Amino acid sequence: EAIFKRQAPNTKMLSFEITSDPQWLTGNRKSKNNDNMILVRSGM
């Protein structure tokens, strides 16, 4: 809603629906202390 309010301040969202399963990507780095991985970035 804020994205569209920046273009037209009196905009109001009436409805919102996710229509697909999400697609995800993640990125990690190796921990300095052991072999564990630490999540550093993700996107959907």
PDB file of all heavy atoms in Angstrom:
ATOM      1  N   GLU A   1       0.836  -1.202   0.000  1.00  0.00           N
ATOM      2  CA  GLU A   1       0.000   0.000   0.000  1.00  0.00           C
ATOM      3  C   GLU A   1       0.873   1.257   0.000  1.00  0.00           C
ATOM      4  O   GLU A   1       0.597   2.227  -0.723  1.00  0.00           O
ATOM      5  CB  GLU A   1      -0.931  -0.002   1.210  1.00  0.00           C
ATOM      6  CG  GLU A   1      -1.901   1.158   1.210  1.00  0.00           C
ATOM      7  CD  GLU A   1      -2.862   1.099   2.385  1.00  0.00           C
ATOM      8  OE1 GLU A   1      -2.385   1.084   3.550  1.00  0.00           O
ATOM      9  OE2 GLU A   1      -4.082   1.081   2.139  1.00  0.00           O
ATOM     10  N   ALA A   2       1.950   1.253   0.768  1.00  0.00           N
ATOM     11  CA  ALA A   2       2.844   2.413   0.839  1.00  0.00           C
ATOM     12  C   ALA A   2       3.504   2.711  -0.503  1.00  0.00           C
ATOM     13  O   ALA A   2       3.716   3.882  -0.847  1.00  0.00           O
ATOM     14  CB  ALA A   2       3.906   2.191   1.918  1.00  0.00           C
ATOM     15  N   ILE A   3       3.829   1.673  -1.263  1.00  0.00           N
ATOM     16  CA  ILE A   3       4.411   1.861  -2.598  1.00  0.00           C
ATOM     17  C   ILE A   3       3.478   2.723  -3.450  1.00  0.00           C
ATOM     18  O   ILE A   3       3.907   3.663  -4.117  1.00  0.00           O
ATOM     19  CB  ILE A   3       4.681   0.503  -3.281  1.00  0.00           C
ATOM     20  CG1 ILE A   3       5.841  -0.215  -2.594  1.00  0.00           C
ATOM     21  CG2 ILE A   3       4.945   0.676  -4.771  1.00  0.00           C
ATOM     22  CD1 ILE A   3       6.005  -1.680  -3.019  1.00  0.00           C
ATOM     23  N   PHE A   4       2.198   2.402  -3.413  1.00  0.00           N
ATOM     24  CA  PHE A   4       1.228   3.130  -4.237  1.00  0.00           C
ATOM     25  C   PHE A   4       0.851   4.476  -3.627  1.00  0.00           C
ATOM     26  O   PHE A   4       0.532   5.417  -4.348  1.00  0.00           O
ATOM     27  CB  PHE A   4       0.014   2.246  -4.518  1.00  0.00           C
ATOM     28  CG  PHE A   4       0.364   1.106  -5.426  1.00  0.00           C
ATOM     29  CD1 PHE A   4       0.705  -0.133  -4.911  1.00  0.00           C
ATOM     30  CD2 PHE A   4       0.409   1.289  -6.802  1.00  0.00           C
ATOM     31  CE1 PHE A   4       1.069  -1.178  -5.745  1.00  0.00           C
ATOM     32  CE2 PHE A   4       0.778   0.250  -7.644  1.00  0.00           C
ATOM     33  CZ  PHE A   4       1.114  -0.979  -7.123  1.00  0.00           C
ATOM     34  N   LYS A   5       0.905   4.595  -2.300  1.00  0.00           N
ATOM     35  CA  LYS A   5       0.631   5.891  -1.660  1.00  0.00           C
ATOM     36  C   LYS A   5       1.700   6.915  -2.006  1.00  0.00           C
ATOM     37  O   LYS A   5       1.419   8.111  -2.013  1.00  0.00           O
ATOM     38  CB  LYS A   5       0.526   5.730  -0.146  1.00  0.00           C
ATOM     39  CG  LYS A   5      -0.799   5.198   0.300  1.00  0.00           C
ATOM     40  CD  LYS A   5      -0.895   5.206   1.810  1.00  0.00           C
ATOM     41  CE  LYS A   5      -2.285   4.792   2.198  1.00  0.00           C
ATOM     42  NZ  LYS A   5      -2.856   5.640   3.216  1.00  0.00           N
ATOM     43  N   ARG A   6       2.914   6.465  -2.278  1.00  0.00           N
ATOM     44  CA  ARG A   6       3.962   7.404  -2.691  1.00  0.00           C
ATOM     45  C   ARG A   6       3.599   8.055  -4.027  1.00  0.00           C
ATOM     46  O   ARG A   6       3.989   9.176  -4.308  1.00  0.00           O
ATOM     47  CB  ARG A   6       5.313   6.698  -2.791  1.00  0.00           C
ATOM     48  CG  ARG A   6       5.932   6.422  -1.435  1.00  0.00           C
ATOM     49  CD  ARG A   6       7.386   6.011  -1.530  1.00  0.00           C
ATOM     50  NE  ARG A   6       7.607   4.735  -2.170  1.00  0.00           N
ATOM     51  CZ  ARG A   6       7.713   3.568  -1.536  1.00  0.00           C
ATOM     52  NH1 ARG A   6       7.607   3.514  -0.231  1.00  0.00           N
ATOM     53  NH2 ARG A   6       7.930   2.460  -2.207  1.00  0.00           N
ATOM     54  N   GLN A   7       2.842   7.339  -4.854  1.00  0.00           N
ATOM     55  CA  GLN A   7       2.420   7.872  -6.148  1.00  0.00           C
ATOM     56  C   GLN A   7       1.144   8.693  -6.029  1.00  0.00           C
ATOM     57  O   GLN A   7       0.974   9.681  -6.742  1.00  0.00           O
ATOM     58  CB  GLN A   7       2.217   6.731  -7.139  1.00  0.00           C
ATOM     59  CG  GLN A   7       3.480   5.951  -7.422  1.00  0.00           C
ATOM     60  CD  GLN A   7       3.194   4.711  -8.251  1.00  0.00           C
ATOM     61  OE1 GLN A   7       2.213   4.644  -8.980  1.00  0.00           O
ATOM     62  NE2 GLN A   7       4.065   3.725  -8.141  1.00  0.00           N
ATOM     63  N   ALA A   8       0.233   8.244  -5.155  1.00  0.00           N
ATOM     64  CA  ALA A   8      -1.046   8.931  -4.952  1.00  0.00           C
ATOM     65  C   ALA A   8      -1.421   8.782  -3.474  1.00  0.00           C
ATOM     66  O   ALA A   8      -1.876   7.713  -3.060  1.00  0.00           O
ATOM     67  CB  ALA A   8      -2.127   8.338  -5.851  1.00  0.00           C
ATOM     68  N   PRO A   9      -1.206   9.807  -2.678  1.00  0.00           N
ATOM     69  CA  PRO A   9      -1.342   9.711  -1.226  1.00  0.00           C
ATOM     70  C   PRO A   9      -2.693   9.228  -0.703  1.00  0.00           C
ATOM     71  O   PRO A   9      -2.759   8.677   0.385  1.00  0.00           O
ATOM     72  CB  PRO A   9      -1.062  11.137  -0.748  1.00  0.00           C
ATOM     73  CG  PRO A   9      -0.208  11.719  -1.814  1.00  0.00           C
ATOM     74  CD  PRO A   9      -0.709  11.108  -3.090  1.00  0.00           C
ATOM     75  N   ASN A  10      -3.760   9.402  -1.451  1.00  0.00           N
ATOM     76  CA  ASN A  10      -5.073   8.977  -0.945  1.00  0.00           C
ATOM     77  C   ASN A  10      -5.433   7.549  -1.359  1.00  0.00           C
ATOM     78  O   ASN A  10      -6.581   7.141  -1.234  1.00  0.00           O
ATOM     79  CB  ASN A  10      -6.158   9.966  -1.363  1.00  0.00           C
ATOM     80  CG  ASN A  10      -6.303  10.063  -2.871  1.00  0.00           C
ATOM     81  OD1 ASN A  10      -5.426   9.646  -3.613  1.00  0.00           O
ATOM     82  ND2 ASN A  10      -7.408  10.618  -3.321  1.00  0.00           N
ATOM     83  N   THR A  11      -4.470   6.765  -1.796  1.00  0.00           N
ATOM     84  CA  THR A  11      -4.707   5.374  -2.186  1.00  0.00           C
ATOM     85  C   THR A  11      -4.956   4.513  -0.951  1.00  0.00           C
ATOM     86  O   THR A  11      -4.293   4.662   0.073  1.00  0.00           O
ATOM     87  CB  THR A  11      -3.491   4.831  -2.964  1.00  0.00           C
ATOM     88  OG1 THR A  11      -3.327   5.615  -4.145  1.00  0.00           O
ATOM     89  CG2 THR A  11      -3.670   3.373  -3.344  1.00  0.00           C
ATOM     90  N   LYS A  12      -5.901   3.605  -1.081  1.00  0.00           N
ATOM     91  CA  LYS A  12      -6.221   2.671   0.003  1.00  0.00           C
ATOM     92  C   LYS A  12      -6.310   1.263  -0.576  1.00  0.00           C
ATOM     93  O   LYS A  12      -6.955   1.050  -1.603  1.00  0.00           O
ATOM     94  CB  LYS A  12      -7.547   3.047   0.654  1.00  0.00           C
ATOM     95  CG  LYS A  12      -7.948   2.119   1.766  1.00  0.00           C
ATOM     96  CD  LYS A  12      -9.265   2.520   2.380  1.00  0.00           C
ATOM     97  CE  LYS A  12      -9.644   1.535   3.464  1.00  0.00           C
ATOM     98  NZ  LYS A  12     -10.958   1.815   4.010  1.00  0.00           N
ATOM     99  N   MET A  13      -5.657   0.299   0.083  1.00  0.00           N
ATOM    100  CA  MET A  13      -5.746  -1.089  -0.353  1.00  0.00           C
ATOM    101  C   MET A  13      -7.042  -1.690   0.182  1.00  0.00           C
ATOM    102  O   MET A  13      -7.352  -1.572   1.365  1.00  0.00           O
ATOM    103  CB  MET A  13      -4.547  -1.900   0.125  1.00  0.00           C
ATOM    104  CG  MET A  13      -4.574  -3.317  -0.427  1.00  0.00           C
ATOM    105  SD  MET A  13      -3.101  -4.266  -0.040  1.00  0.00           S
ATOM    106  CE  MET A  13      -1.892  -3.400  -1.006  1.00  0.00           C
ATOM    107  N   LEU A  14      -7.790  -2.330  -0.707  1.00  0.00           N
ATOM    108  CA  LEU A  14      -9.058  -2.949  -0.333  1.00  0.00           C
ATOM    109  C   LEU A  14      -8.930  -4.451  -0.129  1.00  0.00           C
ATOM    110  O   LEU A  14      -9.620  -5.036   0.709  1.00  0.00           O
ATOM    111  CB  LEU A  14     -10.112  -2.677  -1.405  1.00  0.00           C
ATOM    112  CG  LEU A  14     -10.395  -1.218  -1.719  1.00  0.00           C
ATOM    113  CD1 LEU A  14     -11.381  -1.109  -2.874  1.00  0.00           C
ATOM    114  CD2 LEU A  14     -10.909  -0.497  -0.479  1.00  0.00           C
ATOM    115  N   SER A  15      -8.062  -5.087  -0.945  1.00  0.00           N
ATOM    116  CA  SER A  15      -7.887  -6.540  -0.833  1.00  0.00           C
ATOM    117  C   SER A  15      -6.496  -6.917  -1.316  1.00  0.00           C
ATOM    118  O   SER A  15      -5.879  -6.197  -2.100  1.00  0.00           O
ATOM    119  CB  SER A  15      -8.949  -7.291  -1.645  1.00  0.00           C
ATOM    120  OG  SER A  15      -8.774  -7.045  -3.028  1.00  0.00           O
ATOM    121  N   PHE A  16      -6.025  -8.070  -0.830  1.00  0.00           N
ATOM    122  CA  PHE A  16      -4.720  -8.577  -1.237  1.00  0.00           C
ATOM    123  C   PHE A  16      -4.743 -10.091  -1.119  1.00  0.00           C
ATOM    124  O   PHE A  16      -5.134 -10.627  -0.088  1.00  0.00           O
ATOM    125  CB  PHE A  16      -3.604  -8.008  -0.354  1.00  0.00           C
ATOM    126  CG  PHE A  16      -2.238  -8.329  -0.873  1.00  0.00           C
ATOM    127  CD1 PHE A  16      -1.606  -7.482  -1.759  1.00  0.00           C
ATOM    128  CD2 PHE A  16      -1.600  -9.502  -0.488  1.00  0.00           C
ATOM    129  CE1 PHE A  16      -0.346  -7.781  -2.257  1.00  0.00           C
ATOM    130  CE2 PHE A  16      -0.348  -9.811  -0.985  1.00  0.00           C
ATOM    131  CZ  PHE A  16       0.283  -8.949  -1.868  1.00  0.00           C
ATOM    132  N   GLU A  17      -4.304 -10.781  -2.192  1.00  0.00           N
ATOM    133  CA  GLU A  17      -4.298 -12.248  -2.200  1.00  0.00           C
ATOM    134  C   GLU A  17      -3.039 -12.752  -2.892  1.00  0.00           C
ATOM    135  O   GLU A  17      -2.712 -12.332  -4.002  1.00  0.00           O
ATOM    136  CB  GLU A  17      -5.519 -12.778  -2.957  1.00  0.00           C
ATOM    137  CG  GLU A  17      -5.530 -14.281  -3.095  1.00  0.00           C
ATOM    138  CD  GLU A  17      -6.697 -14.795  -3.914  1.00  0.00           C
ATOM    139  OE1 GLU A  17      -7.285 -14.019  -4.697  1.00  0.00           O
ATOM    140  OE2 GLU A  17      -7.016 -15.996  -3.774  1.00  0.00           O
ATOM    141  N   ILE A  18      -2.338 -13.670  -2.228  1.00  0.00           N
ATOM    142  CA  ILE A  18      -1.224 -14.384  -2.861  1.00  0.00           C
ATOM    143  C   ILE A  18      -1.843 -15.505  -3.687  1.00  0.00           C
ATOM    144  O   ILE A  18      -2.651 -16.293  -3.184  1.00  0.00           O
ATOM    145  CB  ILE A  18      -0.257 -14.955  -1.808  1.00  0.00           C
ATOM    146  CG1 ILE A  18       0.400 -13.829  -1.015  1.00  0.00           C
ATOM    147  CG2 ILE A  18       0.782 -15.862  -2.461  1.00  0.00           C
ATOM    148  CD1 ILE A  18       1.343 -12.950  -1.809  1.00  0.00           C
ATOM    149  N   THR A  19      -1.470 -15.583  -4.971  1.00  0.00           N
ATOM    150  CA  THR A  19      -2.126 -16.533  -5.886  1.00  0.00           C
ATOM    151  C   THR A  19      -1.223 -17.672  -6.344  1.00  0.00           C
ATOM    152  O   THR A  19      -1.676 -18.525  -7.099  1.00  0.00           O
ATOM    153  CB  THR A  19      -2.663 -15.783  -7.122  1.00  0.00           C
ATOM    154  OG1 THR A  19      -1.592 -15.095  -7.764  1.00  0.00           O
ATOM    155  CG2 THR A  19      -3.761 -14.800  -6.715  1.00  0.00           C
ATOM    156  N   SER A  20       0.032 -17.696  -5.913  1.00  0.00           N
ATOM    157  CA  SER A  20       0.917 -18.801  -6.282  1.00  0.00           C
ATOM    158  C   SER A  20       1.693 -19.257  -5.063  1.00  0.00           C
ATOM    159  O   SER A  20       1.809 -18.524  -4.076  1.00  0.00           O
ATOM    160  CB  SER A  20       1.917 -18.369  -7.371  1.00  0.00           C
ATOM    161  OG  SER A  20       2.881 -17.484  -6.823  1.00  0.00           O
ATOM    162  N   ASP A  21       2.227 -20.453  -5.159  1.00  0.00           N
ATOM    163  CA  ASP A  21       3.169 -20.876  -4.133  1.00  0.00           C
ATOM    164  C   ASP A  21       4.405 -19.990  -4.264  1.00  0.00           C
ATOM    165  O   ASP A  21       4.788 -19.597  -5.372  1.00  0.00           O
ATOM    166  CB  ASP A  21       3.554 -22.344  -4.313  1.00  0.00           C
ATOM    167  CG  ASP A  21       2.402 -23.287  -3.995  1.00  0.00           C
ATOM    168  OD1 ASP A  21       1.575 -22.944  -3.125  1.00  0.00           O
ATOM    169  OD2 ASP A  21       2.330 -24.362  -4.613  1.00  0.00           O
ATOM    170  N   PRO A  22       5.041 -19.671  -3.142  1.00  0.00           N
ATOM    171  CA  PRO A  22       6.220 -18.805  -3.220  1.00  0.00           C
ATOM    172  C   PRO A  22       7.433 -19.548  -3.768  1.00  0.00           C
ATOM    173  O   PRO A  22       7.545 -20.767  -3.629  1.00  0.00           O
ATOM    174  CB  PRO A  22       6.451 -18.405  -1.761  1.00  0.00           C
ATOM    175  CG  PRO A  22       5.895 -19.549  -0.976  1.00  0.00           C
ATOM    176  CD  PRO A  22       4.712 -20.037  -1.768  1.00  0.00           C
ATOM    177  N   GLN A  23       8.314 -18.793  -4.392  1.00  0.00           N
ATOM    178  CA  GLN A  23       9.618 -19.310  -4.792  1.00  0.00           C
ATOM    179  C   GLN A  23      10.646 -18.633  -3.892  1.00  0.00           C
ATOM    180  O   GLN A  23      10.594 -17.417  -3.690  1.00  0.00           O
ATOM    181  CB  GLN A  23       9.898 -19.003  -6.261  1.00  0.00           C
ATOM    182  CG  GLN A  23       8.959 -19.736  -7.189  1.00  0.00           C
ATOM    183  CD  GLN A  23       9.270 -19.496  -8.655  1.00  0.00           C
ATOM    184  OE1 GLN A  23      10.176 -18.754  -9.021  1.00  0.00           O
ATOM    185  NE2 GLN A  23       8.491 -20.126  -9.514  1.00  0.00           N
ATOM    186  N   TRP A  24      11.569 -19.426  -3.352  1.00  0.00           N
ATOM    187  CA  TRP A  24      12.540 -18.945  -2.376  1.00  0.00           C
ATOM    188  C   TRP A  24      13.962 -19.147  -2.855  1.00  0.00           C
ATOM    189  O   TRP A  24      14.268 -20.145  -3.517  1.00  0.00           O
ATOM    190  CB  TRP A  24      12.396 -19.707  -1.060  1.00  0.00           C
ATOM    191  CG  TRP A  24      11.228 -19.278  -0.237  1.00  0.00           C
ATOM    192  CD1 TRP A  24       9.965 -19.795  -0.283  1.00  0.00           C
ATOM    193  CD2 TRP A  24      11.211 -18.267   0.759  1.00  0.00           C
ATOM    194  NE1 TRP A  24       9.160 -19.149   0.618  1.00  0.00           N
ATOM    195  CE2 TRP A  24       9.907 -18.205   1.281  1.00  0.00           C
ATOM    196  CE3 TRP A  24      12.173 -17.394   1.261  1.00  0.00           C
ATOM    197  CZ2 TRP A  24       9.535 -17.318   2.273  1.00  0.00           C
ATOM    198  CZ3 TRP A  24      11.815 -16.505   2.256  1.00  0.00           C
ATOM    199  CH2 TRP A  24      10.499 -16.473   2.754  1.00  0.00           C
ATOM    200  N   LEU A  25      14.831 -18.236  -2.496  1.00  0.00           N
ATOM    201  CA  LEU A  25      16.274 -18.397  -2.616  1.00  0.00           C
ATOM    202  C   LEU A  25      16.886 -17.934  -1.297  1.00  0.00           C
ATOM    203  O   LEU A  25      16.389 -16.988  -0.681  1.00  0.00           O
ATOM    204  CB  LEU A  25      16.852 -17.558  -3.758  1.00  0.00           C
ATOM    205  CG  LEU A  25      16.497 -17.985  -5.180  1.00  0.00           C
ATOM    206  CD1 LEU A  25      17.075 -16.987  -6.187  1.00  0.00           C
ATOM    207  CD2 LEU A  25      17.007 -19.386  -5.476  1.00  0.00           C
ATOM    208  N   THR A  26      17.934 -18.617  -0.861  1.00  0.00           N
ATOM    209  CA  THR A  26      18.623 -18.227   0.362  1.00  0.00           C
ATOM    210  C   THR A  26      20.127 -18.245   0.118  1.00  0.00           C
ATOM    211  O   THR A  26      20.610 -18.895  -0.803  1.00  0.00           O
ATOM    212  CB  THR A  26      18.294 -19.173   1.537  1.00  0.00           C
ATOM    213  OG1 THR A  26      18.665 -20.498   1.182  1.00  0.00           O
ATOM    214  CG2 THR A  26      16.820 -19.130   1.886  1.00  0.00           C
ATOM    215  N   GLY A  27      20.832 -17.549   0.954  1.00  0.00           N
ATOM    216  CA  GLY A  27      22.292 -17.543   0.919  1.00  0.00           C
ATOM    217  C   GLY A  27      22.818 -17.603   2.332  1.00  0.00           C
ATOM    218  O   GLY A  27      22.224 -17.065   3.264  1.00  0.00           O
ATOM    219  N   ASN A  28      23.934 -18.291   2.504  1.00  0.00           N
ATOM    220  CA  ASN A  28      24.501 -18.417   3.841  1.00  0.00           C
ATOM    221  C   ASN A  28      26.018 -18.341   3.788  1.00  0.00           C
ATOM    222  O   ASN A  28      26.611 -18.292   2.720  1.00  0.00           O
ATOM    223  CB  ASN A  28      24.036 -19.721   4.488  1.00  0.00           C
ATOM    224  CG  ASN A  28      24.309 -20.927   3.611  1.00  0.00           C
ATOM    225  OD1 ASN A  28      25.367 -21.051   3.019  1.00  0.00           O
ATOM    226  ND2 ASN A  28      23.342 -21.811   3.507  1.00  0.00           N
ATOM    227  N   ARG A  29      26.593 -18.305   4.971  1.00  0.00           N
ATOM    228  CA  ARG A  29      28.046 -18.355   5.087  1.00  0.00           C
ATOM    229  C   ARG A  29      28.395 -19.360   6.170  1.00  0.00           C
ATOM    230  O   ARG A  29      27.585 -19.657   7.039  1.00  0.00           O
ATOM    231  CB  ARG A  29      28.623 -16.977   5.390  1.00  0.00           C
ATOM    232  CG  ARG A  29      28.261 -16.419   6.731  1.00  0.00           C
ATOM    233  CD  ARG A  29      29.009 -15.113   7.026  1.00  0.00           C
ATOM    234  NE  ARG A  29      28.532 -14.503   8.236  1.00  0.00           N
ATOM    235  CZ  ARG A  29      28.852 -14.881   9.471  1.00  0.00           C
ATOM    236  NH1 ARG A  29      29.667 -15.888   9.654  1.00  0.00           N
ATOM    237  NH2 ARG A  29      28.344 -14.247  10.524  1.00  0.00           N
ATOM    238  N   LYS A  30      29.596 -19.833   6.103  1.00  0.00           N
ATOM    239  CA  LYS A  30      30.064 -20.807   7.078  1.00  0.00           C
ATOM    240  C   LYS A  30      30.421 -20.098   8.382  1.00  0.00           C
ATOM    241  O   LYS A  30      31.031 -19.021   8.369  1.00  0.00           O
ATOM    242  CB  LYS A  30      31.289 -21.531   6.517  1.00  0.00           C
ATOM    243  CG  LYS A  30      31.654 -22.771   7.239  1.00  0.00           C
ATOM    244  CD  LYS A  30      32.739 -23.511   6.480  1.00  0.00           C
ATOM    245  CE  LYS A  30      33.010 -24.829   7.137  1.00  0.00           C
ATOM    246  NZ  LYS A  30      33.956 -25.627   6.368  1.00  0.00           N
ATOM    247  N   SER A  31      30.042 -20.692   9.481  1.00  0.00           N
ATOM    248  CA  SER A  31      30.373 -20.146  10.787  1.00  0.00           C
ATOM    249  C   SER A  31      31.881 -20.232  11.010  1.00  0.00           C
ATOM    250  O   SER A  31      32.535 -21.179  10.575  1.00  0.00           O
ATOM    251  CB  SER A  31      29.635 -20.932  11.875  1.00  0.00           C
ATOM    252  OG  SER A  31      30.090 -20.547  13.149  1.00  0.00           O
ATOM    253  N   LYS A  32      32.452 -19.247  11.697  1.00  0.00           N
ATOM    254  CA  LYS A  32      33.889 -19.247  11.982  1.00  0.00           C
ATOM    255  C   LYS A  32      34.274 -20.301  13.008  1.00  0.00           C
ATOM    256  O   LYS A  32      35.400 -20.773  13.027  1.00  0.00           O
ATOM    257  CB  LYS A  32      34.322 -17.867  12.485  1.00  0.00           C
ATOM    258  CG  LYS A  32      34.198 -16.779  11.444  1.00  0.00           C
ATOM    259  CD  LYS A  32      34.574 -15.437  12.016  1.00  0.00           C
ATOM    260  CE  LYS A  32      34.363 -14.354  10.970  1.00  0.00           C
ATOM    261  NZ  LYS A  32      34.612 -13.020  11.518  1.00  0.00           N
ATOM    262  N   ASN A  33      33.334 -20.662  13.877  1.00  0.00           N
ATOM    263  CA  ASN A  33      33.638 -21.563  14.987  1.00  0.00           C
ATOM    264  C   ASN A  33      33.408 -23.040  14.708  1.00  0.00           C
ATOM    265  O   ASN A  33      33.920 -23.885  15.420  1.00  0.00           O
ATOM    266  CB  ASN A  33      32.829 -21.167  16.217  1.00  0.00           C
ATOM    267  CG  ASN A  33      33.130 -19.751  16.652  1.00  0.00           C
ATOM    268  OD1 ASN A  33      34.255 -19.282  16.491  1.00  0.00           O
ATOM    269  ND2 ASN A  33      32.141 -19.059  17.179  1.00  0.00           N
ATOM    270  N   ASN A  34      32.610 -23.360  13.706  1.00  0.00           N
ATOM    271  CA  ASN A  34      32.325 -24.766  13.416  1.00  0.00           C
ATOM    272  C   ASN A  34      31.861 -24.896  11.975  1.00  0.00           C
ATOM    273  O   ASN A  34      31.981 -23.961  11.191  1.00  0.00           O
ATOM    274  CB  ASN A  34      31.280 -25.319  14.403  1.00  0.00           C
ATOM    275  CG  ASN A  34      30.021 -24.480  14.434  1.00  0.00           C
ATOM    276  OD1 ASN A  34      29.562 -24.010  13.412  1.00  0.00           O
ATOM    277  ND2 ASN A  34      29.465 -24.294  15.627  1.00  0.00           N
ATOM    278  N   ASP A  35      31.329 -26.039  11.634  1.00  0.00           N
ATOM    279  CA  ASP A  35      30.885 -26.282  10.265  1.00  0.00           C
ATOM    280  C   ASP A  35      29.435 -25.878  10.005  1.00  0.00           C
ATOM    281  O   ASP A  35      28.883 -26.197   8.963  1.00  0.00           O
ATOM    282  CB  ASP A  35      31.065 -27.769   9.917  1.00  0.00           C
ATOM    283  CG  ASP A  35      32.525 -28.142   9.769  1.00  0.00           C
ATOM    284  OD1 ASP A  35      33.340 -27.235   9.495  1.00  0.00           O
ATOM    285  OD2 ASP A  35      32.849 -29.326   9.919  1.00  0.00           O
ATOM    286  N   ASN A  36      28.822 -25.194  10.956  1.00  0.00           N
ATOM    287  CA  ASN A  36      27.443 -24.748  10.762  1.00  0.00           C
ATOM    288  C   ASN A  36      27.377 -23.634   9.724  1.00  0.00           C
ATOM    289  O   ASN A  36      28.341 -22.901   9.514  1.00  0.00           O
ATOM    290  CB  ASN A  36      26.848 -24.244  12.076  1.00  0.00           C
ATOM    291  CG  ASN A  36      26.637 -25.359  13.068  1.00  0.00           C
ATOM    292  OD1 ASN A  36      26.519 -26.517  12.705  1.00  0.00           O
ATOM    293  ND2 ASN A  36      26.593 -25.002  14.335  1.00  0.00           N
ATOM    294  N   MET A  37      26.209 -23.513   9.120  1.00  0.00           N
ATOM    295  CA  MET A  37      25.965 -22.435   8.163  1.00  0.00           C
ATOM    296  C   MET A  37      25.071 -21.386   8.821  1.00  0.00           C
ATOM    297  O   MET A  37      24.181 -21.714   9.589  1.00  0.00           O
ATOM    298  CB  MET A  37      25.293 -22.989   6.896  1.00  0.00           C
ATOM    299  CG  MET A  37      26.109 -24.066   6.184  1.00  0.00           C
ATOM    300  SD  MET A  37      27.768 -23.559   5.747  1.00  0.00           S
ATOM    301  CE  MET A  37      27.458 -22.580   4.325  1.00  0.00           C
ATOM    302  N   ILE A  38      25.329 -20.127   8.499  1.00  0.00           N
ATOM    303  CA  ILE A  38      24.557 -19.014   9.044  1.00  0.00           C
ATOM    304  C   ILE A  38      23.824 -18.336   7.892  1.00  0.00           C
ATOM    305  O   ILE A  38      24.443 -17.929   6.907  1.00  0.00           O
ATOM    306  CB  ILE A  38      25.483 -18.002   9.748  1.00  0.00           C
ATOM    307  CG1 ILE A  38      26.181 -18.682  10.927  1.00  0.00           C
ATOM    308  CG2 ILE A  38      24.697 -16.777  10.192  1.00  0.00           C
ATOM    309  CD1 ILE A  38      27.272 -17.832  11.556  1.00  0.00           C
ATOM    310  N   LEU A  39      22.506 -18.218   8.040  1.00  0.00           N
ATOM    311  CA  LEU A  39      21.689 -17.556   7.032  1.00  0.00           C
ATOM    312  C   LEU A  39      22.041 -16.068   6.994  1.00  0.00           C
ATOM    313  O   LEU A  39      22.020 -15.400   8.018  1.00  0.00           O
ATOM    314  CB  LEU A  39      20.207 -17.723   7.347  1.00  0.00           C
ATOM    315  CG  LEU A  39      19.237 -17.065   6.370  1.00  0.00           C
ATOM    316  CD1 LEU A  39      19.219 -17.828   5.048  1.00  0.00           C
ATOM    317  CD2 LEU A  39      17.847 -17.003   6.968  1.00  0.00           C
ATOM    318  N   VAL A  40      22.379 -15.560   5.817  1.00  0.00           N
ATOM    319  CA  VAL A  40      22.717 -14.143   5.697  1.00  0.00           C
ATOM    320  C   VAL A  40      21.794 -13.394   4.748  1.00  0.00           C
ATOM    321  O   VAL A  40      21.703 -12.177   4.803  1.00  0.00           O
ATOM    322  CB  VAL A  40      24.190 -13.931   5.270  1.00  0.00           C
ATOM    323  CG1 VAL A  40      25.126 -14.418   6.355  1.00  0.00           C
ATOM    324  CG2 VAL A  40      24.485 -14.595   3.948  1.00  0.00           C
ATOM    325  N   ARG A  41      21.115 -14.101   3.847  1.00  0.00           N
ATOM    326  CA  ARG A  41      20.206 -13.442   2.909  1.00  0.00           C
ATOM    327  C   ARG A  41      19.140 -14.436   2.472  1.00  0.00           C
ATOM    328  O   ARG A  41      19.357 -15.637   2.455  1.00  0.00           O
ATOM    329  CB  ARG A  41      20.938 -12.877   1.710  1.00  0.00           C
ATOM    330  CG  ARG A  41      21.647 -13.893   0.859  1.00  0.00           C
ATOM    331  CD  ARG A  41      22.455 -13.271  -0.280  1.00  0.00           C
ATOM    332  NE  ARG A  41      23.599 -12.558   0.228  1.00  0.00           N
ATOM    333  CZ  ARG A  41      23.737 -11.227   0.218  1.00  0.00           C
ATOM    334  NH1 ARG A  41      22.839 -10.464  -0.327  1.00  0.00           N
ATOM    335  NH2 ARG A  41      24.800 -10.651   0.712  1.00  0.00           N
ATOM    336  N   SER A  42      17.995 -13.886   2.113  1.00  0.00           N
ATOM    337  CA  SER A  42      16.906 -14.724   1.631  1.00  0.00           C
ATOM    338  C   SER A  42      15.963 -13.856   0.803  1.00  0.00           C
ATOM    339  O   SER A  42      15.892 -12.643   1.002  1.00  0.00           O
ATOM    340  CB  SER A  42      16.144 -15.343   2.803  1.00  0.00           C
ATOM    341  OG  SER A  42      15.137 -16.206   2.333  1.00  0.00           O
ATOM    342  N   GLY A  43      15.266 -14.490  -0.104  1.00  0.00           N
ATOM    343  CA  GLY A  43      14.299 -13.770  -0.902  1.00  0.00           C
ATOM    344  C   GLY A  43      13.152 -14.667  -1.320  1.00  0.00           C
ATOM    345  O   GLY A  43      13.328 -15.875  -1.508  1.00  0.00           O
ATOM    346  N   MET A  44      11.976 -14.077  -1.437  1.00  0.00           N
ATOM    347  CA  MET A  44      10.765 -14.795  -1.795  1.00  0.00           C
ATOM    348  C   MET A  44      10.041 -14.019  -2.889  1.00  0.00           C
ATOM    349  O   MET A  44      10.008 -12.789  -2.870  1.00  0.00           O
ATOM    350  CB  MET A  44       9.867 -14.892  -0.553  1.00  0.00           C
ATOM    351  CG  MET A  44       8.548 -15.618  -0.734  1.00  0.00           C
ATOM    352  SD  MET A  44       7.140 -14.693  -1.416  1.00  0.00           S
ATOM    353  CE  MET A  44       6.960 -13.316  -0.331  1.00  0.00           C
TER     354      MET A  44
END
